[in-house]
Amino acid sequence: MAGKFEIKQTKSGYRFNLIATNGQVIATSETYSSLESCKNGVESVRKNCAAHVEDQTKEGFETLTHPKYEVYVDKAGEFRFRLKAKNGEIIATGEGYKAKASCLNGIDSIGRNAPEAKVVEAEA
């Protein structure tokens, strides 16, 4: 069973969360100006979710071509990832994780859930 992409309307547009089968939010999108562009963002995540991982926490890391996941440490010292499309745009971001292994598991979960995830529109 796959997770789901849940699209919500916000004050400034639309955004989606990719939610795993256990109900956990795996990744979140930027805010899109229209429902259509948000749905295009979902399709972009589906298309790019098997991307390589660029581990920016390693010294002298190899810069990979897009699409890719970038793993980095935020200002709070937590591990995070962002998925970038072929054009370099950020299409999804993850929450902060205390351990890099958990962050990498989040990326793995996107690969398992996104391809078959249904799209649902949340009630406003």
PDB file of N, CA and C in Angstrom:
ATOM      1  N   MET A   1       0.849  -1.191   0.000  1.00  0.00           N
ATOM      2  CA  MET A   1       0.000   0.000   0.000  1.00  0.00           C
ATOM      3  C   MET A   1       0.890   1.249   0.000  1.00  0.00           C
ATOM      4  N   ALA A   2       0.521   2.194  -0.812  1.00  0.00           N
ATOM      5  CA  ALA A   2       1.297   3.429  -0.922  1.00  0.00           C
ATOM      6  C   ALA A   2       0.688   4.518  -0.046  1.00  0.00           C
ATOM      7  N   GLY A   3       1.429   5.556   0.147  1.00  0.00           N
ATOM      8  CA  GLY A   3       0.947   6.704   0.899  1.00  0.00           C
ATOM      9  C   GLY A   3       0.048   7.563   0.038  1.00  0.00           C
ATOM     10  N   LYS A   4      -0.032   8.849   0.388  1.00  0.00           N
ATOM     11  CA  LYS A   4      -0.865   9.756  -0.392  1.00  0.00           C
ATOM     12  C   LYS A   4      -0.255  11.148  -0.416  1.00  0.00           C
ATOM     13  N   PHE A   5      -0.561  11.858  -1.485  1.00  0.00           N
ATOM     14  CA  PHE A   5      -0.249  13.273  -1.578  1.00  0.00           C
ATOM     15  C   PHE A   5      -1.510  14.007  -1.149  1.00  0.00           C
ATOM     16  N   GLU A   6      -1.411  14.803  -0.093  1.00  0.00           N
ATOM     17  CA  GLU A   6      -2.562  15.563   0.371  1.00  0.00           C
ATOM     18  C   GLU A   6      -2.347  17.025   0.014  1.00  0.00           C
ATOM     19  N   ILE A   7      -3.238  17.551  -0.823  1.00  0.00           N
ATOM     20  CA  ILE A   7      -3.158  18.946  -1.258  1.00  0.00           C
ATOM     21  C   ILE A   7      -4.074  19.783  -0.369  1.00  0.00           C
ATOM     22  N   LYS A   8      -3.520  20.885   0.139  1.00  0.00           N
ATOM     23  CA  LYS A   8      -4.300  21.789   0.997  1.00  0.00           C
ATOM     24  C   LYS A   8      -4.217  23.200   0.447  1.00  0.00           C
ATOM     25  N   GLN A   9      -5.327  23.906   0.564  1.00  0.00           N
ATOM     26  CA  GLN A   9      -5.322  25.322   0.216  1.00  0.00           C
ATOM     27  C   GLN A   9      -4.845  26.107   1.437  1.00  0.00           C
ATOM     28  N   THR A  10      -3.946  27.054   1.196  1.00  0.00           N
ATOM     29  CA  THR A  10      -3.446  27.915   2.264  1.00  0.00           C
ATOM     30  C   THR A  10      -3.892  29.340   1.971  1.00  0.00           C
ATOM     31  N   LYS A  11      -3.535  30.274   2.842  1.00  0.00           N
ATOM     32  CA  LYS A  11      -3.905  31.677   2.607  1.00  0.00           C
ATOM     33  C   LYS A  11      -3.306  32.199   1.305  1.00  0.00           C
ATOM     34  N   SER A  12      -2.114  31.678   0.964  1.00  0.00           N
ATOM     35  CA  SER A  12      -1.410  32.233  -0.201  1.00  0.00           C
ATOM     36  C   SER A  12      -1.371  31.296  -1.408  1.00  0.00           C
ATOM     37  N   GLY A  13      -2.042  30.162  -1.348  1.00  0.00           N
ATOM     38  CA  GLY A  13      -2.036  29.265  -2.504  1.00  0.00           C
ATOM     39  C   GLY A  13      -2.324  27.824  -2.111  1.00  0.00           C
ATOM     40  N   TYR A  14      -1.567  26.903  -2.704  1.00  0.00           N
ATOM     41  CA  TYR A  14      -1.750  25.473  -2.457  1.00  0.00           C
ATOM     42  C   TYR A  14      -0.408  24.828  -2.154  1.00  0.00           C
ATOM     43  N   ARG A  15      -0.435  23.813  -1.279  1.00  0.00           N
ATOM     44  CA  ARG A  15       0.779  23.035  -1.019  1.00  0.00           C
ATOM     45  C   ARG A  15       0.380  21.600  -0.771  1.00  0.00           C
ATOM     46  N   PHE A  16       1.342  20.707  -0.932  1.00  0.00           N
ATOM     47  CA  PHE A  16       1.042  19.303  -0.665  1.00  0.00           C
ATOM     48  C   PHE A  16       2.003  18.730   0.357  1.00  0.00           C
ATOM     49  N   ASN A  17       1.520  17.695   1.034  1.00  0.00           N
ATOM     50  CA  ASN A  17       2.338  16.855   1.896  1.00  0.00           C
ATOM     51  C   ASN A  17       2.288  15.458   1.317  1.00  0.00           C
ATOM     52  N   LEU A  18       3.421  14.780   1.288  1.00  0.00           N
ATOM     53  CA  LEU A  18       3.451  13.360   0.966  1.00  0.00           C
ATOM     54  C   LEU A  18       3.382  12.645   2.307  1.00  0.00           C
ATOM     55  N   ILE A  19       2.339  11.833   2.479  1.00  0.00           N
ATOM     56  CA  ILE A  19       2.084  11.168   3.755  1.00  0.00           C
ATOM     57  C   ILE A  19       2.250   9.665   3.573  1.00  0.00           C
ATOM     58  N   ALA A  20       3.074   9.058   4.440  1.00  0.00           N
ATOM     59  CA  ALA A  20       3.315   7.612   4.381  1.00  0.00           C
ATOM     60  C   ALA A  20       2.079   6.855   4.868  1.00  0.00           C
ATOM     61  N   THR A  21       2.076   5.556   4.652  1.00  0.00           N
ATOM     62  CA  THR A  21       0.949   4.721   5.070  1.00  0.00           C
ATOM     63  C   THR A  21       0.726   4.773   6.581  1.00  0.00           C
ATOM     64  N   ASN A  22       1.769   5.099   7.350  1.00  0.00           N
ATOM     65  CA  ASN A  22       1.625   5.178   8.813  1.00  0.00           C
ATOM     66  C   ASN A  22       1.134   6.552   9.278  1.00  0.00           C
ATOM     67  N   GLY A  23       0.827   7.440   8.330  1.00  0.00           N
ATOM     68  CA  GLY A  23       0.299   8.760   8.669  1.00  0.00           C
ATOM     69  C   GLY A  23       1.346   9.832   8.871  1.00  0.00           C
ATOM     70  N   GLN A  24       2.624   9.478   8.805  1.00  0.00           N
ATOM     71  CA  GLN A  24       3.708  10.450   8.982  1.00  0.00           C
ATOM     72  C   GLN A  24       3.910  11.270   7.709  1.00  0.00           C
ATOM     73  N   VAL A  25       4.119  12.571   7.872  1.00  0.00           N
ATOM     74  CA  VAL A  25       4.452  13.427   6.728  1.00  0.00           C
ATOM     75  C   VAL A  25       5.911  13.163   6.371  1.00  0.00           C
ATOM     76  N   ILE A  26       6.150  12.775   5.120  1.00  0.00           N
ATOM     77  CA  ILE A  26       7.509  12.486   4.659  1.00  0.00           C
ATOM     78  C   ILE A  26       8.141  13.722   4.040  1.00  0.00           C
ATOM     79  N   ALA A  27       7.343  14.452   3.263  1.00  0.00           N
ATOM     80  CA  ALA A  27       7.875  15.617   2.560  1.00  0.00           C
ATOM     81  C   ALA A  27       6.768  16.637   2.347  1.00  0.00           C
ATOM     82  N   THR A  28       7.183  17.891   2.205  1.00  0.00           N
ATOM     83  CA  THR A  28       6.274  19.013   2.028  1.00  0.00           C
ATOM     84  C   THR A  28       6.728  19.826   0.817  1.00  0.00           C
ATOM     85  N   SER A  29       5.764  20.424   0.145  1.00  0.00           N
ATOM     86  CA  SER A  29       6.102  21.246  -1.030  1.00  0.00           C
ATOM     87  C   SER A  29       6.205  22.713  -0.651  1.00  0.00           C
ATOM     88  N   GLU A  30       6.635  23.487  -1.632  1.00  0.00           N
ATOM     89  CA  GLU A  30       6.547  24.942  -1.526  1.00  0.00           C
ATOM     90  C   GLU A  30       5.065  25.315  -1.684  1.00  0.00           C
ATOM     91  N   THR A  31       4.756  26.590  -1.602  1.00  0.00           N
ATOM     92  CA  THR A  31       3.392  27.046  -1.864  1.00  0.00           C
ATOM     93  C   THR A  31       3.281  27.397  -3.349  1.00  0.00           C
ATOM     94  N   TYR A  32       2.271  26.827  -3.986  1.00  0.00           N
ATOM     95  CA  TYR A  32       2.007  27.081  -5.402  1.00  0.00           C
ATOM     96  C   TYR A  32       0.847  28.057  -5.525  1.00  0.00           C
ATOM     97  N   SER A  33       0.849  28.852  -6.594  1.00  0.00           N
ATOM     98  CA  SER A  33      -0.199  29.865  -6.765  1.00  0.00           C
ATOM     99  C   SER A  33      -1.535  29.267  -7.189  1.00  0.00           C
ATOM    100  N   SER A  34      -1.505  28.095  -7.836  1.00  0.00           N
ATOM    101  CA  SER A  34      -2.755  27.493  -8.298  1.00  0.00           C
ATOM    102  C   SER A  34      -2.789  26.003  -7.985  1.00  0.00           C
ATOM    103  N   LEU A  35      -3.992  25.447  -7.968  1.00  0.00           N
ATOM    104  CA  LEU A  35      -4.171  24.021  -7.738  1.00  0.00           C
ATOM    105  C   LEU A  35      -3.483  23.225  -8.839  1.00  0.00           C
ATOM    106  N   GLU A  36      -3.600  23.703 -10.063  1.00  0.00           N
ATOM    107  CA  GLU A  36      -2.983  23.013 -11.206  1.00  0.00           C
ATOM    108  C   GLU A  36      -1.461  22.932 -11.066  1.00  0.00           C
ATOM    109  N   SER A  37      -0.830  24.040 -10.680  1.00  0.00           N
ATOM    110  CA  SER A  37       0.627  24.021 -10.531  1.00  0.00           C
ATOM    111  C   SER A  37       1.040  23.137  -9.357  1.00  0.00           C
ATOM    112  N   CYS A  38       0.209  23.049  -8.316  1.00  0.00           N
ATOM    113  CA  CYS A  38       0.491  22.162  -7.194  1.00  0.00           C
ATOM    114  C   CYS A  38       0.440  20.702  -7.662  1.00  0.00           C
ATOM    115  N   LYS A  39      -0.560  20.372  -8.469  1.00  0.00           N
ATOM    116  CA  LYS A  39      -0.666  19.004  -9.011  1.00  0.00           C
ATOM    117  C   LYS A  39       0.533  18.691  -9.911  1.00  0.00           C
ATOM    118  N   ASN A  40       1.014  19.685 -10.640  1.00  0.00           N
ATOM    119  CA  ASN A  40       2.224  19.502 -11.451  1.00  0.00           C
ATOM    120  C   ASN A  40       3.428  19.218 -10.550  1.00  0.00           C
ATOM    121  N   GLY A  41       3.472  19.859  -9.380  1.00  0.00           N
ATOM    122  CA  GLY A  41       4.534  19.611  -8.405  1.00  0.00           C
ATOM    123  C   GLY A  41       4.507  18.174  -7.909  1.00  0.00           C
ATOM    124  N   VAL A  42       3.301  17.658  -7.663  1.00  0.00           N
ATOM    125  CA  VAL A  42       3.147  16.256  -7.261  1.00  0.00           C
ATOM    126  C   VAL A  42       3.740  15.343  -8.341  1.00  0.00           C
ATOM    127  N   GLU A  43       3.391  15.608  -9.598  1.00  0.00           N
ATOM    128  CA  GLU A  43       3.899  14.778 -10.700  1.00  0.00           C
ATOM    129  C   GLU A  43       5.413  14.872 -10.814  1.00  0.00           C
ATOM    130  N   SER A  44       5.965  16.048 -10.533  1.00  0.00           N
ATOM    131  CA  SER A  44       7.415  16.230 -10.571  1.00  0.00           C
ATOM    132  C   SER A  44       8.086  15.389  -9.489  1.00  0.00           C
ATOM    133  N   VAL A  45       7.486  15.326  -8.294  1.00  0.00           N
ATOM    134  CA  VAL A  45       8.040  14.483  -7.232  1.00  0.00           C
ATOM    135  C   VAL A  45       7.993  13.020  -7.660  1.00  0.00           C
ATOM    136  N   ARG A  46       6.860  12.590  -8.230  1.00  0.00           N
ATOM    137  CA  ARG A  46       6.748  11.207  -8.716  1.00  0.00           C
ATOM    138  C   ARG A  46       7.868  10.887  -9.709  1.00  0.00           C
ATOM    139  N   LYS A  47       8.073  11.823 -10.640  1.00  0.00           N
ATOM    140  CA  LYS A  47       9.041  11.617 -11.727  1.00  0.00           C
ATOM    141  C   LYS A  47      10.488  11.618 -11.224  1.00  0.00           C
ATOM    142  N   ASN A  48      10.759  12.397 -10.189  1.00  0.00           N
ATOM    143  CA  ASN A  48      12.133  12.596  -9.724  1.00  0.00           C
ATOM    144  C   ASN A  48      12.482  11.873  -8.432  1.00  0.00           C
ATOM    145  N   CYS A  49      11.564  11.078  -7.890  1.00  0.00           N
ATOM    146  CA  CYS A  49      11.767  10.508  -6.548  1.00  0.00           C
ATOM    147  C   CYS A  49      12.842   9.428  -6.491  1.00  0.00           C
ATOM    148  N   ALA A  50      13.309   8.950  -7.628  1.00  0.00           N
ATOM    149  CA  ALA A  50      14.383   7.943  -7.629  1.00  0.00           C
ATOM    150  C   ALA A  50      15.760   8.582  -7.820  1.00  0.00           C
ATOM    151  N   ALA A  51      15.846   9.876  -7.568  1.00  0.00           N
ATOM    152  CA  ALA A  51      17.087  10.625  -7.783  1.00  0.00           C
ATOM    153  C   ALA A  51      18.206  10.170  -6.841  1.00  0.00           C
ATOM    154  N   HIS A  52      19.428  10.528  -7.213  1.00  0.00           N
ATOM    155  CA  HIS A  52      20.607  10.239  -6.397  1.00  0.00           C
ATOM    156  C   HIS A  52      20.640  11.161  -5.181  1.00  0.00           C
ATOM    157  N   VAL A  53      21.409  10.776  -4.175  1.00  0.00           N
ATOM    158  CA  VAL A  53      21.549  11.568  -2.951  1.00  0.00           C
ATOM    159  C   VAL A  53      22.926  12.227  -2.932  1.00  0.00           C
ATOM    160  N   GLU A  54      22.918  13.550  -2.801  1.00  0.00           N
ATOM    161  CA  GLU A  54      24.150  14.321  -2.637  1.00  0.00           C
ATOM    162  C   GLU A  54      24.277  14.641  -1.150  1.00  0.00           C
ATOM    163  N   ASP A  55      25.238  14.018  -0.485  1.00  0.00           N
ATOM    164  CA  ASP A  55      25.411  14.185   0.959  1.00  0.00           C
ATOM    165  C   ASP A  55      26.317  15.378   1.239  1.00  0.00           C
ATOM    166  N   GLN A  56      25.695  16.517   1.489  1.00  0.00           N
ATOM    167  CA  GLN A  56      26.451  17.753   1.721  1.00  0.00           C
ATOM    168  C   GLN A  56      27.015  17.832   3.135  1.00  0.00           C
ATOM    169  N   THR A  57      26.779  16.785   3.941  1.00  0.00           N
ATOM    170  CA  THR A  57      27.342  16.766   5.293  1.00  0.00           C
ATOM    171  C   THR A  57      28.750  16.194   5.290  1.00  0.00           C
ATOM    172  N   LYS A  58      29.164  15.603   4.176  1.00  0.00           N
ATOM    173  CA  LYS A  58      30.520  15.044   4.068  1.00  0.00           C
ATOM    174  C   LYS A  58      31.451  16.101   3.507  1.00  0.00           C
ATOM    175  N   GLU A  59      32.633  16.184   4.058  1.00  0.00           N
ATOM    176  CA  GLU A  59      33.611  17.135   3.548  1.00  0.00           C
ATOM    177  C   GLU A  59      34.035  16.697   2.152  1.00  0.00           C
ATOM    178  N   GLY A  60      34.111  17.657   1.227  1.00  0.00           N
ATOM    179  CA  GLY A  60      34.529  17.346  -0.143  1.00  0.00           C
ATOM    180  C   GLY A  60      33.527  16.488  -0.890  1.00  0.00           C
ATOM    181  N   PHE A  61      32.239  16.650  -0.586  1.00  0.00           N
ATOM    182  CA  PHE A  61      31.207  15.847  -1.247  1.00  0.00           C
ATOM    183  C   PHE A  61      31.205  16.103  -2.756  1.00  0.00           C
ATOM    184  N   GLU A  62      30.763  15.088  -3.494  1.00  0.00           N
ATOM    185  CA  GLU A  62      30.685  15.193  -4.949  1.00  0.00           C
ATOM    186  C   GLU A  62      29.379  15.879  -5.332  1.00  0.00           C
ATOM    187  N   THR A  63      29.460  16.915  -6.150  1.00  0.00           N
ATOM    188  CA  THR A  63      28.267  17.598  -6.622  1.00  0.00           C
ATOM    189  C   THR A  63      27.645  16.773  -7.740  1.00  0.00           C
ATOM    190  N   LEU A  64      26.387  16.403  -7.562  1.00  0.00           N
ATOM    191  CA  LEU A  64      25.679  15.592  -8.544  1.00  0.00           C
ATOM    192  C   LEU A  64      24.805  16.473  -9.429  1.00  0.00           C
ATOM    193  N   THR A  65      24.427  15.932 -10.586  1.00  0.00           N
ATOM    194  CA  THR A  65      23.534  16.664 -11.478  1.00  0.00           C
ATOM    195  C   THR A  65      22.091  16.515 -10.982  1.00  0.00           C
ATOM    196  N   HIS A  66      21.231  17.432 -11.398  1.00  0.00           N
ATOM    197  CA  HIS A  66      19.802  17.370 -11.062  1.00  0.00           C
ATOM    198  C   HIS A  66      19.137  16.328 -11.955  1.00  0.00           C
ATOM    199  N   PRO A  67      18.103  15.635 -11.536  1.00  0.00           N
ATOM    200  CA  PRO A  67      17.464  15.749 -10.233  1.00  0.00           C
ATOM    201  C   PRO A  67      18.299  15.072  -9.153  1.00  0.00           C
ATOM    202  N   LYS A  68      18.129  15.552  -7.918  1.00  0.00           N
ATOM    203  CA  LYS A  68      18.875  14.972  -6.800  1.00  0.00           C
ATOM    204  C   LYS A  68      18.235  15.363  -5.481  1.00  0.00           C
ATOM    205  N   TYR A  69      18.542  14.564  -4.461  1.00  0.00           N
ATOM    206  CA  TYR A  69      18.237  14.920  -3.082  1.00  0.00           C
ATOM    207  C   TYR A  69      19.503  15.551  -2.523  1.00  0.00           C
ATOM    208  N   GLU A  70      19.358  16.644  -1.805  1.00  0.00           N
ATOM    209  CA  GLU A  70      20.482  17.241  -1.098  1.00  0.00           C
ATOM    210  C   GLU A  70      20.263  17.011   0.398  1.00  0.00           C
ATOM    211  N   VAL A  71      21.212  16.361   1.052  1.00  0.00           N
ATOM    212  CA  VAL A  71      21.171  16.153   2.494  1.00  0.00           C
ATOM    213  C   VAL A  71      22.119  17.178   3.113  1.00  0.00           C
ATOM    214  N   TYR A  72      21.615  17.910   4.097  1.00  0.00           N
ATOM    215  CA  TYR A  72      22.430  18.955   4.726  1.00  0.00           C
ATOM    216  C   TYR A  72      22.060  19.087   6.192  1.00  0.00           C
ATOM    217  N   VAL A  73      22.850  19.862   6.928  1.00  0.00           N
ATOM    218  CA  VAL A  73      22.580  20.138   8.338  1.00  0.00           C
ATOM    219  C   VAL A  73      22.078  21.575   8.441  1.00  0.00           C
ATOM    220  N   ASP A  74      20.927  21.753   9.121  1.00  0.00           N
ATOM    221  CA  ASP A  74      20.348  23.089   9.250  1.00  0.00           C
ATOM    222  C   ASP A  74      20.960  23.853  10.433  1.00  0.00           C
ATOM    223  N   LYS A  75      20.487  25.071  10.647  1.00  0.00           N
ATOM    224  CA  LYS A  75      21.039  25.924  11.713  1.00  0.00           C
ATOM    225  C   LYS A  75      20.862  25.321  13.096  1.00  0.00           C
ATOM    226  N   ALA A  76      19.840  24.480  13.258  1.00  0.00           N
ATOM    227  CA  ALA A  76      19.575  23.840  14.559  1.00  0.00           C
ATOM    228  C   ALA A  76      20.407  22.560  14.738  1.00  0.00           C
ATOM    229  N   GLY A  77      21.227  22.235  13.725  1.00  0.00           N
ATOM    230  CA  GLY A  77      22.063  21.044  13.825  1.00  0.00           C
ATOM    231  C   GLY A  77      21.350  19.752  13.450  1.00  0.00           C
ATOM    232  N   GLU A  78      20.184  19.879  12.794  1.00  0.00           N
ATOM    233  CA  GLU A  78      19.431  18.694  12.375  1.00  0.00           C
ATOM    234  C   GLU A  78      19.677  18.387  10.903  1.00  0.00           C
ATOM    235  N   PHE A  79      19.543  17.106  10.562  1.00  0.00           N
ATOM    236  CA  PHE A  79      19.704  16.677   9.177  1.00  0.00           C
ATOM    237  C   PHE A  79      18.398  16.901   8.423  1.00  0.00           C
ATOM    238  N   ARG A  80      18.511  17.458   7.242  1.00  0.00           N
ATOM    239  CA  ARG A  80      17.348  17.718   6.390  1.00  0.00           C
ATOM    240  C   ARG A  80      17.671  17.310   4.961  1.00  0.00           C
ATOM    241  N   PHE A  81      16.598  17.159   4.163  1.00  0.00           N
ATOM    242  CA  PHE A  81      16.804  16.934   2.739  1.00  0.00           C
ATOM    243  C   PHE A  81      15.865  17.823   1.939  1.00  0.00           C
ATOM    244  N   ARG A  82      16.288  18.068   0.713  1.00  0.00           N
ATOM    245  CA  ARG A  82      15.416  18.735  -0.265  1.00  0.00           C
ATOM    246  C   ARG A  82      15.572  17.982  -1.569  1.00  0.00           C
ATOM    247  N   LEU A  83      14.474  17.800  -2.269  1.00  0.00           N
ATOM    248  CA  LEU A  83      14.475  17.147  -3.579  1.00  0.00           C
ATOM    249  C   LEU A  83      14.420  18.239  -4.629  1.00  0.00           C
ATOM    250  N   LYS A  84      15.398  18.211  -5.520  1.00  0.00           N
ATOM    251  CA  LYS A  84      15.449  19.200  -6.598  1.00  0.00           C
ATOM    252  C   LYS A  84      15.157  18.519  -7.928  1.00  0.00           C
ATOM    253  N   ALA A  85      14.341  19.177  -8.737  1.00  0.00           N
ATOM    254  CA  ALA A  85      13.970  18.667 -10.054  1.00  0.00           C
ATOM    255  C   ALA A  85      15.122  18.868 -11.043  1.00  0.00           C
ATOM    256  N   LYS A  86      14.913  18.399 -12.245  1.00  0.00           N
ATOM    257  CA  LYS A  86      15.929  18.490 -13.294  1.00  0.00           C
ATOM    258  C   LYS A  86      16.378  19.936 -13.541  1.00  0.00           C
ATOM    259  N   ASN A  87      15.440  20.889 -13.345  1.00  0.00           N
ATOM    260  CA  ASN A  87      15.753  22.306 -13.583  1.00  0.00           C
ATOM    261  C   ASN A  87      16.362  22.992 -12.358  1.00  0.00           C
ATOM    262  N   GLY A  88      16.593  22.222 -11.274  1.00  0.00           N
ATOM    263  CA  GLY A  88      17.213  22.782 -10.079  1.00  0.00           C
ATOM    264  C   GLY A  88      16.239  23.359  -9.073  1.00  0.00           C
ATOM    265  N   GLU A  89      14.938  23.383  -9.409  1.00  0.00           N
ATOM    266  CA  GLU A  89      13.921  23.884  -8.482  1.00  0.00           C
ATOM    267  C   GLU A  89      13.718  22.901  -7.337  1.00  0.00           C
ATOM    268  N   ILE A  90      13.531  23.416  -6.129  1.00  0.00           N
ATOM    269  CA  ILE A  90      13.213  22.566  -4.980  1.00  0.00           C
ATOM    270  C   ILE A  90      11.739  22.183  -5.083  1.00  0.00           C
ATOM    271  N   ILE A  91      11.459  20.872  -5.136  1.00  0.00           N
ATOM    272  CA  ILE A  91      10.073  20.426  -5.274  1.00  0.00           C
ATOM    273  C   ILE A  91       9.520  19.777  -4.011  1.00  0.00           C
ATOM    274  N   ALA A  92      10.391  19.411  -3.076  1.00  0.00           N
ATOM    275  CA  ALA A  92       9.930  18.850  -1.803  1.00  0.00           C
ATOM    276  C   ALA A  92      11.046  18.970  -0.772  1.00  0.00           C
ATOM    277  N   THR A  93      10.641  19.147   0.478  1.00  0.00           N
ATOM    278  CA  THR A  93      11.607  19.225   1.571  1.00  0.00           C
ATOM    279  C   THR A  93      11.157  18.309   2.701  1.00  0.00           C
ATOM    280  N   GLY A  94      12.122  17.869   3.489  1.00  0.00           N
ATOM    281  CA  GLY A  94      11.819  17.007   4.626  1.00  0.00           C
ATOM    282  C   GLY A  94      11.934  17.770   5.927  1.00  0.00           C
ATOM    283  N   GLU A  95      11.439  17.156   6.990  1.00  0.00           N
ATOM    284  CA  GLU A  95      11.554  17.741   8.322  1.00  0.00           C
ATOM    285  C   GLU A  95      12.978  17.579   8.830  1.00  0.00           C
ATOM    286  N   GLY A  96      13.276  18.163   9.979  1.00  0.00           N
ATOM    287  CA  GLY A  96      14.582  17.998  10.596  1.00  0.00           C
ATOM    288  C   GLY A  96      14.673  16.667  11.325  1.00  0.00           C
ATOM    289  N   TYR A  97      15.792  15.978  11.179  1.00  0.00           N
ATOM    290  CA  TYR A  97      16.032  14.693  11.839  1.00  0.00           C
ATOM    291  C   TYR A  97      17.269  14.818  12.720  1.00  0.00           C
ATOM    292  N   LYS A  98      17.254  14.165  13.865  1.00  0.00           N
ATOM    293  CA  LYS A  98      18.415  14.168  14.761  1.00  0.00           C
ATOM    294  C   LYS A  98      19.553  13.319  14.187  1.00  0.00           C
ATOM    295  N   ALA A  99      19.202  12.241  13.479  1.00  0.00           N
ATOM    296  CA  ALA A  99      20.205  11.321  12.935  1.00  0.00           C
ATOM    297  C   ALA A  99      20.159  11.318  11.412  1.00  0.00           C
ATOM    298  N   LYS A 100      21.345  11.253  10.800  1.00  0.00           N
ATOM    299  CA  LYS A 100      21.406  11.215   9.340  1.00  0.00           C
ATOM    300  C   LYS A 100      20.703   9.970   8.799  1.00  0.00           C
ATOM    301  N   ALA A 101      20.815   8.843   9.493  1.00  0.00           N
ATOM    302  CA  ALA A 101      20.165   7.606   9.042  1.00  0.00           C
ATOM    303  C   ALA A 101      18.653   7.802   8.914  1.00  0.00           C
ATOM    304  N   SER A 102      18.055   8.531   9.838  1.00  0.00           N
ATOM    305  CA  SER A 102      16.617   8.803   9.784  1.00  0.00           C
ATOM    306  C   SER A 102      16.277   9.679   8.580  1.00  0.00           C
ATOM    307  N   CYS A 103      17.124  10.648   8.301  1.00  0.00           N
ATOM    308  CA  CYS A 103      16.942  11.514   7.140  1.00  0.00           C
ATOM    309  C   CYS A 103      16.983  10.681   5.855  1.00  0.00           C
ATOM    310  N   LEU A 104      17.967   9.780   5.766  1.00  0.00           N
ATOM    311  CA  LEU A 104      18.088   8.911   4.587  1.00  0.00           C
ATOM    312  C   LEU A 104      16.904   7.961   4.483  1.00  0.00           C
ATOM    313  N   ASN A 105      16.362   7.518   5.622  1.00  0.00           N
ATOM    314  CA  ASN A 105      15.155   6.694   5.605  1.00  0.00           C
ATOM    315  C   ASN A 105      13.969   7.472   5.058  1.00  0.00           C
ATOM    316  N   GLY A 106      13.902   8.771   5.366  1.00  0.00           N
ATOM    317  CA  GLY A 106      12.848   9.638   4.819  1.00  0.00           C
ATOM    318  C   GLY A 106      12.918   9.701   3.306  1.00  0.00           C
ATOM    319  N   ILE A 107      14.127   9.833   2.776  1.00  0.00           N
ATOM    320  CA  ILE A 107      14.328   9.854   1.323  1.00  0.00           C
ATOM    321  C   ILE A 107      13.895   8.524   0.724  1.00  0.00           C
ATOM    322  N   ASP A 108      14.297   7.429   1.353  1.00  0.00           N
ATOM    323  CA  ASP A 108      13.928   6.098   0.895  1.00  0.00           C
ATOM    324  C   ASP A 108      12.406   5.931   0.891  1.00  0.00           C
ATOM    325  N   SER A 109      11.762   6.476   1.884  1.00  0.00           N
ATOM    326  CA  SER A 109      10.309   6.391   1.992  1.00  0.00           C
ATOM    327  C   SER A 109       9.610   7.130   0.848  1.00  0.00           C
ATOM    328  N   ILE A 110      10.177   8.237   0.411  1.00  0.00           N
ATOM    329  CA  ILE A 110       9.607   8.945  -0.740  1.00  0.00           C
ATOM    330  C   ILE A 110       9.643   8.032  -1.964  1.00  0.00           C
ATOM    331  N   GLY A 111      10.780   7.388  -2.172  1.00  0.00           N
ATOM    332  CA  GLY A 111      10.918   6.472  -3.311  1.00  0.00           C
ATOM    333  C   GLY A 111       9.919   5.329  -3.274  1.00  0.00           C
ATOM    334  N   ARG A 112       9.587   4.860  -2.072  1.00  0.00           N
ATOM    335  CA  ARG A 112       8.615   3.762  -1.924  1.00  0.00           C
ATOM    336  C   ARG A 112       7.181   4.244  -2.051  1.00  0.00           C
ATOM    337  N   ASN A 113       6.883   5.451  -1.572  1.00  0.00           N
ATOM    338  CA  ASN A 113       5.500   5.931  -1.502  1.00  0.00           C
ATOM    339  C   ASN A 113       5.043   6.781  -2.690  1.00  0.00           C
ATOM    340  N   ALA A 114       5.896   7.658  -3.174  1.00  0.00           N
ATOM    341  CA  ALA A 114       5.466   8.644  -4.171  1.00  0.00           C
ATOM    342  C   ALA A 114       4.947   8.044  -5.482  1.00  0.00           C
ATOM    343  N   PRO A 115       5.600   7.026  -6.057  1.00  0.00           N
ATOM    344  CA  PRO A 115       5.153   6.557  -7.376  1.00  0.00           C
ATOM    345  C   PRO A 115       3.689   6.111  -7.435  1.00  0.00           C
ATOM    346  N   GLU A 116       3.193   5.480  -6.376  1.00  0.00           N
ATOM    347  CA  GLU A 116       1.827   4.943  -6.374  1.00  0.00           C
ATOM    348  C   GLU A 116       0.864   5.732  -5.491  1.00  0.00           C
ATOM    349  N   ALA A 117       1.342   6.792  -4.876  1.00  0.00           N
ATOM    350  CA  ALA A 117       0.501   7.548  -3.944  1.00  0.00           C
ATOM    351  C   ALA A 117      -0.664   8.219  -4.660  1.00  0.00           C
ATOM    352  N   LYS A 118      -1.849   8.109  -4.070  1.00  0.00           N
ATOM    353  CA  LYS A 118      -3.001   8.788  -4.652  1.00  0.00           C
ATOM    354  C   LYS A 118      -2.960  10.255  -4.229  1.00  0.00           C
ATOM    355  N   VAL A 119      -3.665  11.086  -4.982  1.00  0.00           N
ATOM    356  CA  VAL A 119      -3.733  12.506  -4.688  1.00  0.00           C
ATOM    357  C   VAL A 119      -5.108  12.814  -4.106  1.00  0.00           C
ATOM    358  N   VAL A 120      -5.128  13.412  -2.933  1.00  0.00           N
ATOM    359  CA  VAL A 120      -6.389  13.793  -2.306  1.00  0.00           C
ATOM    360  C   VAL A 120      -6.340  15.283  -1.979  1.00  0.00           C
ATOM    361  N   GLU A 121      -7.486  15.921  -2.107  1.00  0.00           N
ATOM    362  CA  GLU A 121      -7.575  17.337  -1.763  1.00  0.00           C
ATOM    363  C   GLU A 121      -8.239  17.440  -0.403  1.00  0.00           C
ATOM    364  N   ALA A 122      -7.547  18.041   0.539  1.00  0.00           N
ATOM    365  CA  ALA A 122      -8.056  18.189   1.902  1.00  0.00           C
ATOM    366  C   ALA A 122      -9.133  19.278   1.913  1.00  0.00           C
ATOM    367  N   GLU A 123     -10.059  19.117   2.824  1.00  0.00           N
ATOM    368  CA  GLU A 123     -11.091  20.141   3.009  1.00  0.00           C
ATOM    369  C   GLU A 123     -10.452  21.386   3.606  1.00  0.00           C
ATOM    370  N   ALA A 124     -10.850  22.539   3.122  1.00  0.00           N
ATOM    371  CA  ALA A 124     -10.270  23.792   3.617  1.00  0.00           C
ATOM    372  C   ALA A 124     -10.751  24.095   5.009  1.00  0.00           C
TER     373      ALA A 124
END
